[in-house]
Amino acid sequence: MDGSAGATGPVPNTGQVIPEDIWGILCIFAEARGEPYEGQIAVGNVIRNRTAKMFFSDGSVTSTVVSPYQFSWMNSVDSQRTRVLKATWREIETAAKAWFESEHRSVVADALWYHADYISPSWAKSKEMELVRRIGRHLFFRQVTQA
């Protein structure tokens, strides 16, 4: 085989097939597309905070987003995963704007967790958790620092 891909020529070697920013954008779209814009930025903050702290992550956005049971849309039983991966640019445009804005604007400080207000995960009740902020239907948390 000569490495060509038909009439269009060889496949370029440009790095990741799905770039880091696309994983962040898709995660915001999946997790917060029905939330206020500021809530979408907040989800971007959580992704970036987890990536920086290597929280269930190898330090890349990709590993942060796809880490098992961290973001519901990536769970194999979540039906929206296919819908998200088939989204059009028009559908994800606001999430993209929020993703890039989350790099320079923090609306939930050092939050590493969030959940929707219609569920009550056990981790959120821990004395080690502190509510940072509620935005739309999402509640954002950080770990309480020990004195």
C-alpha atoms as a PDB file:
ATOM      1  CA  MET A   1       0.000   0.000   0.000  1.00  0.00           C
ATOM      2  CA  ASP A   2       1.375   3.415  -0.883  1.00  0.00           C
ATOM      3  CA  GLY A   3      -0.266   5.433   1.942  1.00  0.00           C
ATOM      4  CA  SER A   4      -2.688   7.210  -0.336  1.00  0.00           C
ATOM      5  CA  ALA A   5      -6.340   7.631   0.448  1.00  0.00           C
ATOM      6  CA  GLY A   6      -7.866   7.540  -2.999  1.00  0.00           C
ATOM      7  CA  ALA A   7      -8.056  10.552  -5.272  1.00  0.00           C
ATOM      8  CA  THR A   8      -7.703  13.051  -2.426  1.00  0.00           C
ATOM      9  CA  GLY A   9      -4.160  12.012  -1.562  1.00  0.00           C
ATOM     10  CA  PRO A  10      -2.612  10.789   1.674  1.00  0.00           C
ATOM     11  CA  VAL A  11      -4.243  11.359   5.040  1.00  0.00           C
ATOM     12  CA  PRO A  12      -2.396  14.223   6.755  1.00  0.00           C
ATOM     13  CA  ASN A  13      -0.639  13.507  10.023  1.00  0.00           C
ATOM     14  CA  THR A  14      -1.844  16.493  12.045  1.00  0.00           C
ATOM     15  CA  GLY A  15      -2.177  14.967  15.504  1.00  0.00           C
ATOM     16  CA  GLN A  16      -5.381  14.014  17.244  1.00  0.00           C
ATOM     17  CA  VAL A  17      -8.330  13.001  15.115  1.00  0.00           C
ATOM     18  CA  ILE A  18     -10.616  14.939  17.468  1.00  0.00           C
ATOM     19  CA  PRO A  19      -8.734  17.964  18.872  1.00  0.00           C
ATOM     20  CA  GLU A  20      -8.831  18.825  22.570  1.00  0.00           C
ATOM     21  CA  ASP A  21     -11.037  21.878  22.037  1.00  0.00           C
ATOM     22  CA  ILE A  22     -13.676  19.805  20.245  1.00  0.00           C
ATOM     23  CA  TRP A  23     -13.919  17.462  23.266  1.00  0.00           C
ATOM     24  CA  GLY A  24     -14.487  20.477  25.533  1.00  0.00           C
ATOM     25  CA  ILE A  25     -17.078  21.948  23.180  1.00  0.00           C
ATOM     26  CA  LEU A  26     -18.967  18.661  22.810  1.00  0.00           C
ATOM     27  CA  CYS A  27     -18.976  18.139  26.574  1.00  0.00           C
ATOM     28  CA  ILE A  28     -20.451  21.598  27.195  1.00  0.00           C
ATOM     29  CA  PHE A  29     -23.048  20.990  24.491  1.00  0.00           C
ATOM     30  CA  ALA A  30     -23.979  17.612  25.967  1.00  0.00           C
ATOM     31  CA  GLU A  31     -24.016  18.656  29.595  1.00  0.00           C
ATOM     32  CA  ALA A  32     -25.339  22.220  29.454  1.00  0.00           C
ATOM     33  CA  ARG A  33     -26.957  23.060  26.128  1.00  0.00           C
ATOM     34  CA  GLY A  34     -30.262  23.912  27.833  1.00  0.00           C
ATOM     35  CA  GLU A  35     -28.594  26.001  30.532  1.00  0.00           C
ATOM     36  CA  PRO A  36     -27.931  29.751  30.589  1.00  0.00           C
ATOM     37  CA  TYR A  37     -24.788  30.816  28.730  1.00  0.00           C
ATOM     38  CA  GLU A  38     -22.988  31.483  32.025  1.00  0.00           C
ATOM     39  CA  GLY A  39     -23.789  27.899  33.053  1.00  0.00           C
ATOM     40  CA  GLN A  40     -22.146  26.667  29.878  1.00  0.00           C
ATOM     41  CA  ILE A  41     -19.033  28.665  30.740  1.00  0.00           C
ATOM     42  CA  ALA A  42     -19.159  27.118  34.227  1.00  0.00           C
ATOM     43  CA  VAL A  43     -19.150  23.591  32.777  1.00  0.00           C
ATOM     44  CA  GLY A  44     -16.145  24.653  30.704  1.00  0.00           C
ATOM     45  CA  ASN A  45     -14.501  25.852  33.928  1.00  0.00           C
ATOM     46  CA  VAL A  46     -15.099  22.465  35.560  1.00  0.00           C
ATOM     47  CA  ILE A  47     -13.577  20.634  32.586  1.00  0.00           C
ATOM     48  CA  ARG A  48     -10.556  22.954  32.621  1.00  0.00           C
ATOM     49  CA  ASN A  49     -10.194  22.706  36.437  1.00  0.00           C
ATOM     50  CA  ARG A  50     -10.277  18.907  36.290  1.00  0.00           C
ATOM     51  CA  THR A  51      -7.771  18.867  33.445  1.00  0.00           C
ATOM     52  CA  ALA A  52      -5.360  21.197  35.272  1.00  0.00           C
ATOM     53  CA  LYS A  53      -5.583  19.203  38.510  1.00  0.00           C
ATOM     54  CA  MET A  54      -5.406  15.875  36.639  1.00  0.00           C
ATOM     55  CA  PHE A  55      -8.639  14.909  38.409  1.00  0.00           C
ATOM     56  CA  PHE A  56      -9.693  11.631  36.746  1.00  0.00           C
ATOM     57  CA  SER A  57      -7.475  12.796  33.903  1.00  0.00           C
ATOM     58  CA  ASP A  58      -3.989  12.432  32.476  1.00  0.00           C
ATOM     59  CA  GLY A  59      -3.910  16.212  32.096  1.00  0.00           C
ATOM     60  CA  SER A  60      -5.578  16.335  28.686  1.00  0.00           C
ATOM     61  CA  VAL A  61      -9.069  17.590  27.942  1.00  0.00           C
ATOM     62  CA  THR A  62      -9.785  14.358  26.069  1.00  0.00           C
ATOM     63  CA  SER A  63      -8.990  12.114  29.038  1.00  0.00           C
ATOM     64  CA  THR A  64     -10.921  14.438  31.357  1.00  0.00           C
ATOM     65  CA  VAL A  65     -14.068  14.270  29.232  1.00  0.00           C
ATOM     66  CA  VAL A  66     -13.977  10.537  28.410  1.00  0.00           C
ATOM     67  CA  SER A  67     -13.009   9.327  31.887  1.00  0.00           C
ATOM     68  CA  PRO A  68     -15.632   6.760  32.935  1.00  0.00           C
ATOM     69  CA  TYR A  69     -18.632   8.055  34.894  1.00  0.00           C
ATOM     70  CA  GLN A  70     -17.414  11.649  35.093  1.00  0.00           C
ATOM     71  CA  PHE A  71     -19.688  13.235  32.494  1.00  0.00           C
ATOM     72  CA  SER A  72     -22.969  11.416  31.920  1.00  0.00           C
ATOM     73  CA  TRP A  73     -23.083  11.874  28.146  1.00  0.00           C
ATOM     74  CA  MET A  74     -19.960   9.709  27.801  1.00  0.00           C
ATOM     75  CA  ASN A  75     -21.477   6.758  29.668  1.00  0.00           C
ATOM     76  CA  SER A  76     -22.112   3.935  27.216  1.00  0.00           C
ATOM     77  CA  VAL A  77     -25.742   3.650  28.319  1.00  0.00           C
ATOM     78  CA  ASP A  78     -26.492   7.356  27.818  1.00  0.00           C
ATOM     79  CA  SER A  79     -28.602   7.731  24.693  1.00  0.00           C
ATOM     80  CA  GLN A  80     -27.511  11.299  24.025  1.00  0.00           C
ATOM     81  CA  ARG A  81     -23.893  10.296  23.263  1.00  0.00           C
ATOM     82  CA  THR A  82     -24.708   9.442  19.658  1.00  0.00           C
ATOM     83  CA  ARG A  83     -26.803  12.590  19.273  1.00  0.00           C
ATOM     84  CA  VAL A  84     -23.948  14.753  20.553  1.00  0.00           C
ATOM     85  CA  LEU A  85     -21.383  13.146  18.261  1.00  0.00           C
ATOM     86  CA  LYS A  86     -23.714  13.786  15.299  1.00  0.00           C
ATOM     87  CA  ALA A  87     -24.324  17.462  16.179  1.00  0.00           C
ATOM     88  CA  THR A  88     -23.933  20.140  13.540  1.00  0.00           C
ATOM     89  CA  TRP A  89     -21.787  23.248  13.907  1.00  0.00           C
ATOM     90  CA  ARG A  90     -24.925  25.376  14.171  1.00  0.00           C
ATOM     91  CA  GLU A  91     -26.029  23.287  17.172  1.00  0.00           C
ATOM     92  CA  ILE A  92     -22.703  23.520  19.016  1.00  0.00           C
ATOM     93  CA  GLU A  93     -21.771  27.107  18.145  1.00  0.00           C
ATOM     94  CA  THR A  94     -22.820  28.548  21.527  1.00  0.00           C
ATOM     95  CA  ALA A  95     -21.014  25.750  23.371  1.00  0.00           C
ATOM     96  CA  ALA A  96     -17.885  26.570  21.350  1.00  0.00           C
ATOM     97  CA  LYS A  97     -18.084  30.229  22.351  1.00  0.00           C
ATOM     98  CA  ALA A  98     -18.552  29.222  26.006  1.00  0.00           C
ATOM     99  CA  TRP A  99     -15.599  26.800  25.825  1.00  0.00           C
ATOM    100  CA  PHE A 100     -13.186  29.435  24.578  1.00  0.00           C
ATOM    101  CA  GLU A 101     -14.522  32.033  27.024  1.00  0.00           C
ATOM    102  CA  SER A 102     -14.075  29.560  29.922  1.00  0.00           C
ATOM    103  CA  GLU A 103     -10.328  29.706  29.349  1.00  0.00           C
ATOM    104  CA  HIS A 104     -10.217  33.351  30.461  1.00  0.00           C
ATOM    105  CA  ARG A 105     -13.345  33.781  32.585  1.00  0.00           C
ATOM    106  CA  SER A 106     -14.022  31.806  35.734  1.00  0.00           C
ATOM    107  CA  VAL A 107     -17.594  31.820  36.998  1.00  0.00           C
ATOM    108  CA  VAL A 108     -17.286  28.906  39.447  1.00  0.00           C
ATOM    109  CA  ALA A 109     -13.776  29.407  40.863  1.00  0.00           C
ATOM    110  CA  ASP A 110     -12.149  26.059  41.594  1.00  0.00           C
ATOM    111  CA  ALA A 111     -15.236  23.856  41.243  1.00  0.00           C
ATOM    112  CA  LEU A 112     -14.540  20.269  40.178  1.00  0.00           C
ATOM    113  CA  TRP A 113     -18.071  18.895  40.437  1.00  0.00           C
ATOM    114  CA  TYR A 114     -21.597  19.788  39.469  1.00  0.00           C
ATOM    115  CA  HIS A 115     -24.958  18.114  39.192  1.00  0.00           C
ATOM    116  CA  ALA A 116     -28.445  18.957  38.043  1.00  0.00           C
ATOM    117  CA  ASP A 117     -30.910  20.067  40.709  1.00  0.00           C
ATOM    118  CA  TYR A 118     -33.257  17.155  39.985  1.00  0.00           C
ATOM    119  CA  ILE A 119     -30.763  14.566  41.251  1.00  0.00           C
ATOM    120  CA  SER A 120     -29.080  14.233  44.636  1.00  0.00           C
ATOM    121  CA  PRO A 121     -25.755  12.403  44.394  1.00  0.00           C
ATOM    122  CA  SER A 122     -24.252  11.113  47.628  1.00  0.00           C
ATOM    123  CA  TRP A 123     -20.941  12.910  47.043  1.00  0.00           C
ATOM    124  CA  ALA A 124     -22.725  16.290  47.149  1.00  0.00           C
ATOM    125  CA  LYS A 125     -23.854  15.631  50.733  1.00  0.00           C
ATOM    126  CA  SER A 126     -20.327  15.050  51.981  1.00  0.00           C
ATOM    127  CA  LYS A 127     -18.934  17.465  54.566  1.00  0.00           C
ATOM    128  CA  GLU A 128     -15.931  17.763  52.262  1.00  0.00           C
ATOM    129  CA  MET A 129     -18.065  19.490  49.615  1.00  0.00           C
ATOM    130  CA  GLU A 130     -18.942  23.145  49.445  1.00  0.00           C
ATOM    131  CA  LEU A 131     -21.517  24.662  47.120  1.00  0.00           C
ATOM    132  CA  VAL A 132     -19.807  27.296  44.989  1.00  0.00           C
ATOM    133  CA  ARG A 133     -22.762  28.491  42.975  1.00  0.00           C
ATOM    134  CA  ARG A 134     -26.038  27.589  41.363  1.00  0.00           C
ATOM    135  CA  ILE A 135     -26.461  28.533  37.712  1.00  0.00           C
ATOM    136  CA  GLY A 136     -29.677  27.504  36.018  1.00  0.00           C
ATOM    137  CA  ARG A 137     -30.399  23.925  37.022  1.00  0.00           C
ATOM    138  CA  HIS A 138     -26.769  23.078  37.865  1.00  0.00           C
ATOM    139  CA  LEU A 139     -25.144  23.251  41.287  1.00  0.00           C
ATOM    140  CA  PHE A 140     -21.344  23.597  41.290  1.00  0.00           C
ATOM    141  CA  PHE A 141     -19.117  22.319  44.099  1.00  0.00           C
ATOM    142  CA  ARG A 142     -15.528  22.377  45.284  1.00  0.00           C
ATOM    143  CA  GLN A 143     -13.772  20.407  47.950  1.00  0.00           C
ATOM    144  CA  VAL A 144     -13.549  22.178  51.313  1.00  0.00           C
ATOM    145  CA  THR A 145      -9.956  23.015  52.098  1.00  0.00           C
ATOM    146  CA  GLN A 146      -8.671  21.671  55.369  1.00  0.00           C
ATOM    147  CA  ALA A 147      -7.279  24.309  57.753  1.00  0.00           C
END
